[in-house]
PDB file of N, CA and C in Angstrom:
ATOM      1  N   MET A   1     -26.592 -22.483  -5.928  1.00  0.00           N
ATOM      2  CA  MET A   1     -27.106 -21.426  -5.625  1.00  0.00           C
ATOM      3  C   MET A   1     -27.443 -22.452  -4.149  1.00  0.00           C
ATOM      4  N   ASN A   2     -27.664 -21.812  -3.087  1.00  0.00           N
ATOM      5  CA  ASN A   2     -27.785 -23.054  -1.412  1.00  0.00           C
ATOM      6  C   ASN A   2     -29.274 -22.255  -1.456  1.00  0.00           C
ATOM      7  N   SER A   3     -29.489 -23.451  -1.248  1.00  0.00           N
ATOM      8  CA  SER A   3     -31.052 -23.173  -0.209  1.00  0.00           C
ATOM      9  C   SER A   3     -30.566 -22.771   0.902  1.00  0.00           C
ATOM     10  N   THR A   4     -31.627 -22.270   1.583  1.00  0.00           N
ATOM     11  CA  THR A   4     -31.465 -22.433   3.704  1.00  0.00           C
ATOM     12  C   THR A   4     -32.477 -22.311   4.180  1.00  0.00           C
ATOM     13  N   ILE A   5     -32.245 -22.754   5.326  1.00  0.00           N
ATOM     14  CA  ILE A   5     -33.070 -23.063   6.547  1.00  0.00           C
ATOM     15  C   ILE A   5     -33.110 -22.900   7.336  1.00  0.00           C
ATOM     16  N   THR A   6     -34.244 -21.448   7.729  1.00  0.00           N
ATOM     17  CA  THR A   6     -33.856 -20.466   8.785  1.00  0.00           C
ATOM     18  C   THR A   6     -34.584 -20.858  10.476  1.00  0.00           C
ATOM     19  N   PHE A   7     -34.336 -20.753  11.201  1.00  0.00           N
ATOM     20  CA  PHE A   7     -35.016 -20.860  12.612  1.00  0.00           C
ATOM     21  C   PHE A   7     -35.193 -19.965  13.334  1.00  0.00           C
ATOM     22  N   ALA A   8     -35.810 -19.720  14.026  1.00  0.00           N
ATOM     23  CA  ALA A   8     -36.921 -18.929  14.755  1.00  0.00           C
ATOM     24  C   ALA A   8     -35.744 -19.210  16.397  1.00  0.00           C
ATOM     25  N   ASP A   9     -35.944 -19.970  16.774  1.00  0.00           N
ATOM     26  CA  ASP A   9     -35.420 -20.107  18.187  1.00  0.00           C
ATOM     27  C   ASP A   9     -34.459 -20.825  17.833  1.00  0.00           C
ATOM     28  N   ALA A  10     -33.305 -20.129  18.794  1.00  0.00           N
ATOM     29  CA  ALA A  10     -31.455 -20.240  18.968  1.00  0.00           C
ATOM     30  C   ALA A  10     -31.134 -22.048  19.538  1.00  0.00           C
ATOM     31  N   GLY A  11     -32.310 -22.567  20.307  1.00  0.00           N
ATOM     32  CA  GLY A  11     -32.288 -23.776  21.405  1.00  0.00           C
ATOM     33  C   GLY A  11     -32.794 -24.342  19.790  1.00  0.00           C
ATOM     34  N   LEU A  12     -33.842 -24.668  19.635  1.00  0.00           N
ATOM     35  CA  LEU A  12     -34.078 -25.571  18.539  1.00  0.00           C
ATOM     36  C   LEU A  12     -33.099 -25.637  17.150  1.00  0.00           C
ATOM     37  N   PHE A  13     -32.253 -24.528  16.870  1.00  0.00           N
ATOM     38  CA  PHE A  13     -31.270 -24.456  15.903  1.00  0.00           C
ATOM     39  C   PHE A  13     -30.320 -25.501  16.104  1.00  0.00           C
ATOM     40  N   ALA A  14     -29.726 -25.182  17.727  1.00  0.00           N
ATOM     41  CA  ALA A  14     -28.902 -26.102  17.978  1.00  0.00           C
ATOM     42  C   ALA A  14     -29.173 -27.497  18.059  1.00  0.00           C
ATOM     43  N   ILE A  15     -29.730 -27.882  18.592  1.00  0.00           N
ATOM     44  CA  ILE A  15     -30.454 -29.446  18.089  1.00  0.00           C
ATOM     45  C   ILE A  15     -30.752 -29.861  16.569  1.00  0.00           C
ATOM     46  N   ALA A  16     -30.644 -29.090  15.604  1.00  0.00           N
ATOM     47  CA  ALA A  16     -30.866 -29.346  14.484  1.00  0.00           C
ATOM     48  C   ALA A  16     -28.986 -29.379  14.119  1.00  0.00           C
ATOM     49  N   VAL A  17     -28.631 -28.657  14.307  1.00  0.00           N
ATOM     50  CA  VAL A  17     -27.026 -28.576  14.065  1.00  0.00           C
ATOM     51  C   VAL A  17     -26.579 -29.885  14.341  1.00  0.00           C
ATOM     52  N   THR A  18     -26.801 -30.379  16.000  1.00  0.00           N
ATOM     53  CA  THR A  18     -26.395 -31.707  16.364  1.00  0.00           C
ATOM     54  C   THR A  18     -27.111 -32.501  15.910  1.00  0.00           C
ATOM     55  N   ALA A  19     -27.952 -32.685  15.257  1.00  0.00           N
ATOM     56  CA  ALA A  19     -28.950 -33.802  14.544  1.00  0.00           C
ATOM     57  C   ALA A  19     -27.969 -34.329  13.209  1.00  0.00           C
ATOM     58  N   LEU A  20     -27.875 -32.492  12.235  1.00  0.00           N
ATOM     59  CA  LEU A  20     -26.798 -32.646  11.395  1.00  0.00           C
ATOM     60  C   LEU A  20     -25.608 -33.066  11.475  1.00  0.00           C
ATOM     61  N   GLU A  21     -24.761 -33.159  12.485  1.00  0.00           N
ATOM     62  CA  GLU A  21     -23.509 -33.003  13.011  1.00  0.00           C
ATOM     63  C   GLU A  21     -23.806 -34.930  13.060  1.00  0.00           C
ATOM     64  N   MET A  22     -24.526 -35.744  13.332  1.00  0.00           N
ATOM     65  CA  MET A  22     -24.455 -37.228  13.740  1.00  0.00           C
ATOM     66  C   MET A  22     -24.812 -37.714  12.543  1.00  0.00           C
ATOM     67  N   ASP A  23     -25.172 -37.297  11.441  1.00  0.00           N
ATOM     68  CA  ASP A  23     -25.736 -37.675  10.165  1.00  0.00           C
ATOM     69  C   ASP A  23     -25.099 -36.672   9.037  1.00  0.00           C
ATOM     70  N   ALA A  24     -24.164 -36.197   8.634  1.00  0.00           N
ATOM     71  CA  ALA A  24     -23.504 -35.252   7.837  1.00  0.00           C
ATOM     72  C   ALA A  24     -23.506 -35.627   6.303  1.00  0.00           C
ATOM     73  N   THR A  25     -24.876 -36.028   6.004  1.00  0.00           N
ATOM     74  CA  THR A  25     -25.078 -36.237   4.514  1.00  0.00           C
ATOM     75  C   THR A  25     -26.542 -35.392   4.584  1.00  0.00           C
ATOM     76  N   PRO A  26     -26.903 -34.964   3.272  1.00  0.00           N
ATOM     77  CA  PRO A  26     -25.910 -34.054   2.550  1.00  0.00           C
ATOM     78  C   PRO A  26     -24.782 -33.193   3.382  1.00  0.00           C
ATOM     79  N   PRO A  27     -23.490 -32.485   2.314  1.00  0.00           N
ATOM     80  CA  PRO A  27     -22.981 -31.333   2.870  1.00  0.00           C
ATOM     81  C   PRO A  27     -23.961 -30.150   2.933  1.00  0.00           C
ATOM     82  N   TYR A  28     -23.837 -29.634   4.235  1.00  0.00           N
ATOM     83  CA  TYR A  28     -24.031 -28.195   4.373  1.00  0.00           C
ATOM     84  C   TYR A  28     -22.987 -27.419   5.167  1.00  0.00           C
ATOM     85  N   THR A  29     -23.767 -25.952   5.459  1.00  0.00           N
ATOM     86  CA  THR A  29     -22.859 -25.099   6.071  1.00  0.00           C
ATOM     87  C   THR A  29     -23.803 -24.340   6.965  1.00  0.00           C
ATOM     88  N   VAL A  30     -23.174 -24.007   8.074  1.00  0.00           N
ATOM     89  CA  VAL A  30     -24.370 -23.204   9.335  1.00  0.00           C
ATOM     90  C   VAL A  30     -23.310 -21.666   9.331  1.00  0.00           C
ATOM     91  N   ASP A  31     -24.617 -21.060   9.756  1.00  0.00           N
ATOM     92  CA  ASP A  31     -24.794 -19.308   9.736  1.00  0.00           C
ATOM     93  C   ASP A  31     -24.993 -19.294  11.472  1.00  0.00           C
ATOM     94  N   GLU A  32     -24.121 -19.203  12.422  1.00  0.00           N
ATOM     95  CA  GLU A  32     -24.849 -19.001  13.626  1.00  0.00           C
ATOM     96  C   GLU A  32     -25.477 -17.767  13.810  1.00  0.00           C
ATOM     97  N   ASP A  33     -24.810 -16.806  12.908  1.00  0.00           N
ATOM     98  CA  ASP A  33     -25.516 -15.718  13.507  1.00  0.00           C
ATOM     99  C   ASP A  33     -26.568 -15.554  13.328  1.00  0.00           C
ATOM    100  N   THR A  34     -27.739 -15.957  12.120  1.00  0.00           N
ATOM    101  CA  THR A  34     -28.777 -15.923  11.224  1.00  0.00           C
ATOM    102  C   THR A  34     -29.480 -17.111  11.606  1.00  0.00           C
ATOM    103  N   LEU A  35     -28.816 -18.209  12.147  1.00  0.00           N
ATOM    104  CA  LEU A  35     -29.604 -19.454  12.206  1.00  0.00           C
ATOM    105  C   LEU A  35     -29.996 -20.218  11.484  1.00  0.00           C
ATOM    106  N   THR A  36     -29.049 -20.279  10.717  1.00  0.00           N
ATOM    107  CA  THR A  36     -29.630 -20.656   9.140  1.00  0.00           C
ATOM    108  C   THR A  36     -28.607 -21.858   9.161  1.00  0.00           C
ATOM    109  N   ILE A  37     -29.182 -22.781   7.795  1.00  0.00           N
ATOM    110  CA  ILE A  37     -28.279 -23.485   7.327  1.00  0.00           C
ATOM    111  C   ILE A  37     -28.702 -24.102   5.979  1.00  0.00           C
ATOM    112  N   ASN A  38     -27.420 -23.893   5.168  1.00  0.00           N
ATOM    113  CA  ASN A  38     -27.265 -23.409   3.842  1.00  0.00           C
ATOM    114  C   ASN A  38     -26.853 -25.158   3.373  1.00  0.00           C
ATOM    115  N   ALA A  39     -27.581 -25.335   2.122  1.00  0.00           N
ATOM    116  CA  ALA A  39     -27.105 -27.031   1.797  1.00  0.00           C
ATOM    117  C   ALA A  39     -27.658 -26.959   0.184  1.00  0.00           C
ATOM    118  N   GLU A  40     -26.877 -27.439  -1.296  1.00  0.00           N
ATOM    119  CA  GLU A  40     -27.588 -27.609  -2.073  1.00  0.00           C
ATOM    120  C   GLU A  40     -28.706 -28.290  -2.418  1.00  0.00           C
ATOM    121  N   ASP A  41     -27.930 -29.840  -1.572  1.00  0.00           N
ATOM    122  CA  ASP A  41     -29.638 -30.324  -1.383  1.00  0.00           C
ATOM    123  C   ASP A  41     -30.566 -30.542  -0.083  1.00  0.00           C
ATOM    124  N   ILE A  42     -31.377 -29.348  -0.631  1.00  0.00           N
ATOM    125  CA  ILE A  42     -31.684 -29.021   1.139  1.00  0.00           C
ATOM    126  C   ILE A  42     -32.531 -30.124   1.145  1.00  0.00           C
ATOM    127  N   ASP A  43     -33.609 -30.767   0.370  1.00  0.00           N
ATOM    128  CA  ASP A  43     -34.541 -32.101   1.076  1.00  0.00           C
ATOM    129  C   ASP A  43     -33.759 -32.670   1.616  1.00  0.00           C
ATOM    130  N   GLY A  44     -32.449 -33.366   1.661  1.00  0.00           N
ATOM    131  CA  GLY A  44     -31.708 -34.548   2.622  1.00  0.00           C
ATOM    132  C   GLY A  44     -31.839 -33.921   4.252  1.00  0.00           C
ATOM    133  N   VAL A  45     -31.690 -32.324   3.690  1.00  0.00           N
ATOM    134  CA  VAL A  45     -31.205 -32.056   5.252  1.00  0.00           C
ATOM    135  C   VAL A  45     -32.691 -31.978   5.655  1.00  0.00           C
ATOM    136  N   VAL A  46     -33.568 -31.436   4.967  1.00  0.00           N
ATOM    137  CA  VAL A  46     -35.079 -31.995   5.495  1.00  0.00           C
ATOM    138  C   VAL A  46     -35.485 -33.005   6.392  1.00  0.00           C
ATOM    139  N   ASP A  47     -35.263 -33.802   4.878  1.00  0.00           N
ATOM    140  CA  ASP A  47     -35.391 -35.414   5.654  1.00  0.00           C
ATOM    141  C   ASP A  47     -35.012 -35.785   6.730  1.00  0.00           C
ATOM    142  N   ILE A  48     -33.507 -35.408   7.566  1.00  0.00           N
ATOM    143  CA  ILE A  48     -32.476 -35.507   8.411  1.00  0.00           C
ATOM    144  C   ILE A  48     -33.529 -34.709   9.441  1.00  0.00           C
ATOM    145  N   LEU A  49     -34.069 -33.601   9.603  1.00  0.00           N
ATOM    146  CA  LEU A  49     -34.640 -32.969  10.262  1.00  0.00           C
ATOM    147  C   LEU A  49     -35.711 -33.414  10.452  1.00  0.00           C
ATOM    148  N   HIS A  50     -36.399 -33.912  10.200  1.00  0.00           N
ATOM    149  CA  HIS A  50     -37.613 -34.932  10.150  1.00  0.00           C
ATOM    150  C   HIS A  50     -37.448 -36.185  11.186  1.00  0.00           C
ATOM    151  N   ASP A  51     -36.718 -36.752  10.554  1.00  0.00           N
ATOM    152  CA  ASP A  51     -36.724 -38.014  11.530  1.00  0.00           C
ATOM    153  C   ASP A  51     -36.010 -37.557  12.380  1.00  0.00           C
ATOM    154  N   ASN A  52     -35.549 -36.711  13.088  1.00  0.00           N
ATOM    155  CA  ASN A  52     -35.023 -36.583  14.244  1.00  0.00           C
ATOM    156  C   ASN A  52     -36.326 -35.742  15.205  1.00  0.00           C
ATOM    157  N   GLY A  53     -37.196 -35.328  14.221  1.00  0.00           N
ATOM    158  CA  GLY A  53     -38.306 -34.837  15.135  1.00  0.00           C
ATOM    159  C   GLY A  53     -38.172 -33.510  15.009  1.00  0.00           C
ATOM    160  N   ILE A  54     -37.603 -32.973  13.981  1.00  0.00           N
ATOM    161  CA  ILE A  54     -37.644 -31.310  14.411  1.00  0.00           C
ATOM    162  C   ILE A  54     -38.451 -31.035  12.736  1.00  0.00           C
ATOM    163  N   PHE A  55     -39.316 -30.062  13.562  1.00  0.00           N
ATOM    164  CA  PHE A  55     -40.378 -29.614  12.325  1.00  0.00           C
ATOM    165  C   PHE A  55     -40.650 -27.894  12.208  1.00  0.00           C
ATOM    166  N   ASN A  56     -40.041 -26.993  13.178  1.00  0.00           N
ATOM    167  CA  ASN A  56     -40.462 -26.039  13.523  1.00  0.00           C
ATOM    168  C   ASN A  56     -38.910 -24.687  12.311  1.00  0.00           C
ATOM    169  N   PHE A  57     -39.464 -24.775  11.137  1.00  0.00           N
ATOM    170  CA  PHE A  57     -38.669 -23.917  10.826  1.00  0.00           C
ATOM    171  C   PHE A  57     -38.519 -23.885   9.218  1.00  0.00           C
ATOM    172  N   ILE A  58     -38.368 -22.525   8.962  1.00  0.00           N
ATOM    173  CA  ILE A  58     -38.570 -22.322   7.137  1.00  0.00           C
ATOM    174  C   ILE A  58     -37.911 -22.404   5.971  1.00  0.00           C
ATOM    175  N   CYS A  59     -38.267 -22.982   5.213  1.00  0.00           N
ATOM    176  CA  CYS A  59     -37.222 -23.569   3.858  1.00  0.00           C
ATOM    177  C   CYS A  59     -37.028 -22.876   3.204  1.00  0.00           C
ATOM    178  N   TYR A  60     -36.199 -21.928   2.655  1.00  0.00           N
ATOM    179  CA  TYR A  60     -35.896 -21.251   1.274  1.00  0.00           C
ATOM    180  C   TYR A  60     -35.211 -21.554   0.565  1.00  0.00           C
ATOM    181  N   ARG A  61     -36.030 -22.262  -0.933  1.00  0.00           N
ATOM    182  CA  ARG A  61     -35.136 -22.786  -1.548  1.00  0.00           C
ATOM    183  C   ARG A  61     -34.929 -21.994  -3.106  1.00  0.00           C
ATOM    184  N   ALA A  62     -33.636 -22.415  -3.646  1.00  0.00           N
ATOM    185  CA  ALA A  62     -33.079 -21.655  -4.651  1.00  0.00           C
ATOM    186  C   ALA A  62     -33.789 -21.381  -5.261  1.00  0.00           C
ATOM    187  N   ASP A  63     -34.844 -21.808  -5.755  1.00  0.00           N
ATOM    188  CA  ASP A  63     -35.732 -21.739  -6.838  1.00  0.00           C
ATOM    189  C   ASP A  63     -36.712 -20.971  -6.948  1.00  0.00           C
ATOM    190  N   GLY A  64     -36.586 -20.109  -5.427  1.00  0.00           N
ATOM    191  CA  GLY A  64     -37.598 -18.880  -5.243  1.00  0.00           C
ATOM    192  C   GLY A  64     -38.431 -19.125  -4.238  1.00  0.00           C
ATOM    193  N   ASP A  65     -38.984 -20.585  -4.256  1.00  0.00           N
ATOM    194  CA  ASP A  65     -40.352 -21.290  -3.740  1.00  0.00           C
ATOM    195  C   ASP A  65     -39.541 -20.993  -1.915  1.00  0.00           C
ATOM    196  N   THR A  66     -40.677 -20.487  -0.932  1.00  0.00           N
ATOM    197  CA  THR A  66     -40.599 -20.933   0.895  1.00  0.00           C
ATOM    198  C   THR A  66     -41.793 -21.884   0.717  1.00  0.00           C
ATOM    199  N   GLU A  67     -41.150 -22.513   1.502  1.00  0.00           N
ATOM    200  CA  GLU A  67     -41.639 -24.007   2.004  1.00  0.00           C
ATOM    201  C   GLU A  67     -42.108 -24.000   3.666  1.00  0.00           C
ATOM    202  N   HIS A  68     -43.159 -24.074   4.142  1.00  0.00           N
ATOM    203  CA  HIS A  68     -43.093 -24.062   5.191  1.00  0.00           C
ATOM    204  C   HIS A  68     -43.109 -25.235   5.902  1.00  0.00           C
ATOM    205  N   ASP A  69     -42.874 -25.622   7.172  1.00  0.00           N
ATOM    206  CA  ASP A  69     -42.512 -27.082   7.769  1.00  0.00           C
ATOM    207  C   ASP A  69     -44.280 -27.804   7.599  1.00  0.00           C
ATOM    208  N   GLN A  70     -44.865 -27.173   7.220  1.00  0.00           N
ATOM    209  CA  GLN A  70     -46.672 -27.809   7.871  1.00  0.00           C
ATOM    210  C   GLN A  70     -46.679 -27.859   9.550  1.00  0.00           C
ATOM    211  N   PHE A  71     -45.850 -26.709  10.019  1.00  0.00           N
ATOM    212  CA  PHE A  71     -45.994 -27.077  11.468  1.00  0.00           C
ATOM    213  C   PHE A  71     -47.003 -25.587  11.409  1.00  0.00           C
ATOM    214  N   ARG A  72     -48.361 -26.609  12.429  1.00  0.00           N
ATOM    215  CA  ARG A  72     -49.552 -25.219  12.059  1.00  0.00           C
ATOM    216  C   ARG A  72     -49.658 -24.615  13.526  1.00  0.00           C
ATOM    217  N   SER A  73     -49.918 -23.157  13.778  1.00  0.00           N
ATOM    218  CA  SER A  73     -50.476 -22.840  14.687  1.00  0.00           C
ATOM    219  C   SER A  73     -50.735 -23.573  16.334  1.00  0.00           C
ATOM    220  N   ASP A  74     -50.622 -23.467  17.377  1.00  0.00           N
ATOM    221  CA  ASP A  74     -51.132 -24.235  18.456  1.00  0.00           C
ATOM    222  C   ASP A  74     -52.922 -23.993  18.205  1.00  0.00           C
ATOM    223  N   ALA A  75     -53.829 -23.409  17.707  1.00  0.00           N
ATOM    224  CA  ALA A  75     -54.898 -23.069  17.205  1.00  0.00           C
ATOM    225  C   ALA A  75     -55.226 -23.788  16.756  1.00  0.00           C
ATOM    226  N   GLU A  76     -54.367 -24.075  15.837  1.00  0.00           N
ATOM    227  CA  GLU A  76     -55.027 -24.975  14.343  1.00  0.00           C
ATOM    228  C   GLU A  76     -54.742 -26.683  14.903  1.00  0.00           C
ATOM    229  N   ALA A  77     -53.896 -26.827  16.047  1.00  0.00           N
ATOM    230  CA  ALA A  77     -53.530 -28.233  16.106  1.00  0.00           C
ATOM    231  C   ALA A  77     -54.283 -28.565  16.889  1.00  0.00           C
ATOM    232  N   ASP A  78     -55.106 -27.258  17.850  1.00  0.00           N
ATOM    233  CA  ASP A  78     -55.874 -27.768  19.369  1.00  0.00           C
ATOM    234  C   ASP A  78     -57.593 -28.336  18.624  1.00  0.00           C
ATOM    235  N   ALA A  79     -57.239 -27.098  17.501  1.00  0.00           N
ATOM    236  CA  ALA A  79     -58.706 -27.412  16.868  1.00  0.00           C
ATOM    237  C   ALA A  79     -58.905 -28.634  16.310  1.00  0.00           C
ATOM    238  N   ASP A  80     -57.866 -29.175  15.471  1.00  0.00           N
ATOM    239  CA  ASP A  80     -57.812 -30.758  15.000  1.00  0.00           C
ATOM    240  C   ASP A  80     -58.159 -31.479  15.946  1.00  0.00           C
ATOM    241  N   ALA A  81     -57.105 -31.471  16.962  1.00  0.00           N
ATOM    242  CA  ALA A  81     -57.536 -32.613  18.961  1.00  0.00           C
ATOM    243  C   ALA A  81     -58.639 -32.451  19.058  1.00  0.00           C
ATOM    244  N   LEU A  82     -59.641 -31.456  18.962  1.00  0.00           N
ATOM    245  CA  LEU A  82     -60.627 -31.412  19.447  1.00  0.00           C
ATOM    246  C   LEU A  82     -61.925 -31.778  18.668  1.00  0.00           C
ATOM    247  N   ALA A  83     -61.255 -31.653  17.347  1.00  0.00           N
ATOM    248  CA  ALA A  83     -62.580 -32.093  16.291  1.00  0.00           C
ATOM    249  C   ALA A  83     -62.291 -33.882  16.346  1.00  0.00           C
ATOM    250  N   SER A  84     -60.689 -34.953  16.781  1.00  0.00           N
ATOM    251  CA  SER A  84     -60.852 -35.786  16.662  1.00  0.00           C
ATOM    252  C   SER A  84     -61.810 -36.484  17.709  1.00  0.00           C
ATOM    253  N   ALA A  85     -61.850 -35.472  18.564  1.00  0.00           N
ATOM    254  CA  ALA A  85     -61.954 -35.845  19.634  1.00  0.00           C
ATOM    255  C   ALA A  85     -63.655 -35.987  19.751  1.00  0.00           C
ATOM    256  N   GLY A  86     -64.630 -35.877  19.342  1.00  0.00           N
ATOM    257  CA  GLY A  86     -65.582 -35.692  18.618  1.00  0.00           C
ATOM    258  C   GLY A  86     -66.235 -34.207  19.597  1.00  0.00           C
ATOM    259  N   PHE A  87     -65.055 -32.777  19.088  1.00  0.00           N
ATOM    260  CA  PHE A  87     -66.039 -31.843  19.952  1.00  0.00           C
ATOM    261  C   PHE A  87     -65.830 -30.043  18.859  1.00  0.00           C
ATOM    262  N   GLY A  88     -65.982 -31.452  17.611  1.00  0.00           N
ATOM    263  CA  GLY A  88     -65.848 -30.527  16.823  1.00  0.00           C
ATOM    264  C   GLY A  88     -66.846 -29.848  16.277  1.00  0.00           C
ATOM    265  N   THR A  89     -67.184 -28.701  14.900  1.00  0.00           N
ATOM    266  CA  THR A  89     -68.089 -27.970  14.808  1.00  0.00           C
ATOM    267  C   THR A  89     -69.040 -29.281  13.075  1.00  0.00           C
ATOM    268  N   ASP A  90     -70.056 -28.811  13.159  1.00  0.00           N
ATOM    269  CA  ASP A  90     -70.903 -29.394  12.048  1.00  0.00           C
ATOM    270  C   ASP A  90     -69.793 -29.846  10.740  1.00  0.00           C
ATOM    271  N   GLU A  91     -69.090 -28.813  10.471  1.00  0.00           N
ATOM    272  CA  GLU A  91     -68.758 -28.639   9.435  1.00  0.00           C
ATOM    273  C   GLU A  91     -67.494 -29.386   9.418  1.00  0.00           C
ATOM    274  N   ASP A  92     -66.696 -29.866  10.744  1.00  0.00           N
ATOM    275  CA  ASP A  92     -65.907 -30.551  10.656  1.00  0.00           C
ATOM    276  C   ASP A  92     -65.949 -31.919  10.361  1.00  0.00           C
ATOM    277  N   TYR A  93     -67.542 -32.590  10.730  1.00  0.00           N
ATOM    278  CA  TYR A  93     -67.682 -33.873   9.904  1.00  0.00           C
ATOM    279  C   TYR A  93     -68.036 -34.350   9.003  1.00  0.00           C
ATOM    280  N   GLY A  94     -68.415 -32.878   7.955  1.00  0.00           N
ATOM    281  CA  GLY A  94     -69.262 -32.918   7.168  1.00  0.00           C
ATOM    282  C   GLY A  94     -70.288 -32.436   6.785  1.00  0.00           C
ATOM    283  N   TYR A  95     -71.122 -31.959   8.016  1.00  0.00           N
ATOM    284  CA  TYR A  95     -72.201 -31.132   7.391  1.00  0.00           C
ATOM    285  C   TYR A  95     -72.577 -29.912   7.439  1.00  0.00           C
ATOM    286  N   TYR A  96     -72.991 -29.522   5.959  1.00  0.00           N
ATOM    287  CA  TYR A  96     -72.950 -28.086   6.350  1.00  0.00           C
ATOM    288  C   TYR A  96     -73.727 -27.652   6.061  1.00  0.00           C
ATOM    289  N   GLY A  97     -75.092 -28.215   6.407  1.00  0.00           N
ATOM    290  CA  GLY A  97     -76.668 -27.704   6.155  1.00  0.00           C
ATOM    291  C   GLY A  97     -77.354 -28.296   5.111  1.00  0.00           C
ATOM    292  N   GLY A  98     -78.562 -28.349   5.123  1.00  0.00           N
ATOM    293  CA  GLY A  98     -79.048 -28.898   3.926  1.00  0.00           C
ATOM    294  C   GLY A  98     -80.535 -29.585   4.590  1.00  0.00           C
ATOM    295  N   ASP A  99     -80.816 -30.794   3.751  1.00  0.00           N
ATOM    296  CA  ASP A  99     -82.100 -31.217   4.047  1.00  0.00           C
ATOM    297  C   ASP A  99     -82.449 -32.081   5.392  1.00  0.00           C
ATOM    298  N   ASP A 100     -82.869 -31.878   6.322  1.00  0.00           N
ATOM    299  CA  ASP A 100     -83.404 -32.220   7.590  1.00  0.00           C
ATOM    300  C   ASP A 100     -84.542 -32.926   7.398  1.00  0.00           C
ATOM    301  N   GLU A 101     -84.456 -34.053   7.566  1.00  0.00           N
ATOM    302  CA  GLU A 101     -85.878 -35.042   7.740  1.00  0.00           C
ATOM    303  C   GLU A 101     -85.623 -35.836   9.287  1.00  0.00           C
TER     304      GLU A 101
END
């Protein structure tokens, strides 16, 4: 049974297919109507996509697990960027209240 990778954006799907055509291992098939890539070795396909900077997709594994690509929402990414620049909340820096001396 094949696992699938599904894209919401047709442009990103086209870039992903081009990246796979340049490095055609492992074997895969493409369904352009549903913007999906099917493969037995889905981890190999995911690695190729990640190596080419493609992260915004959902991976449906044949064993029933759905793995999101670790792509966070814009709000989550902005919050992390602000926290790392020193504009985070106290909790971002490990302070949860307590003894103030």
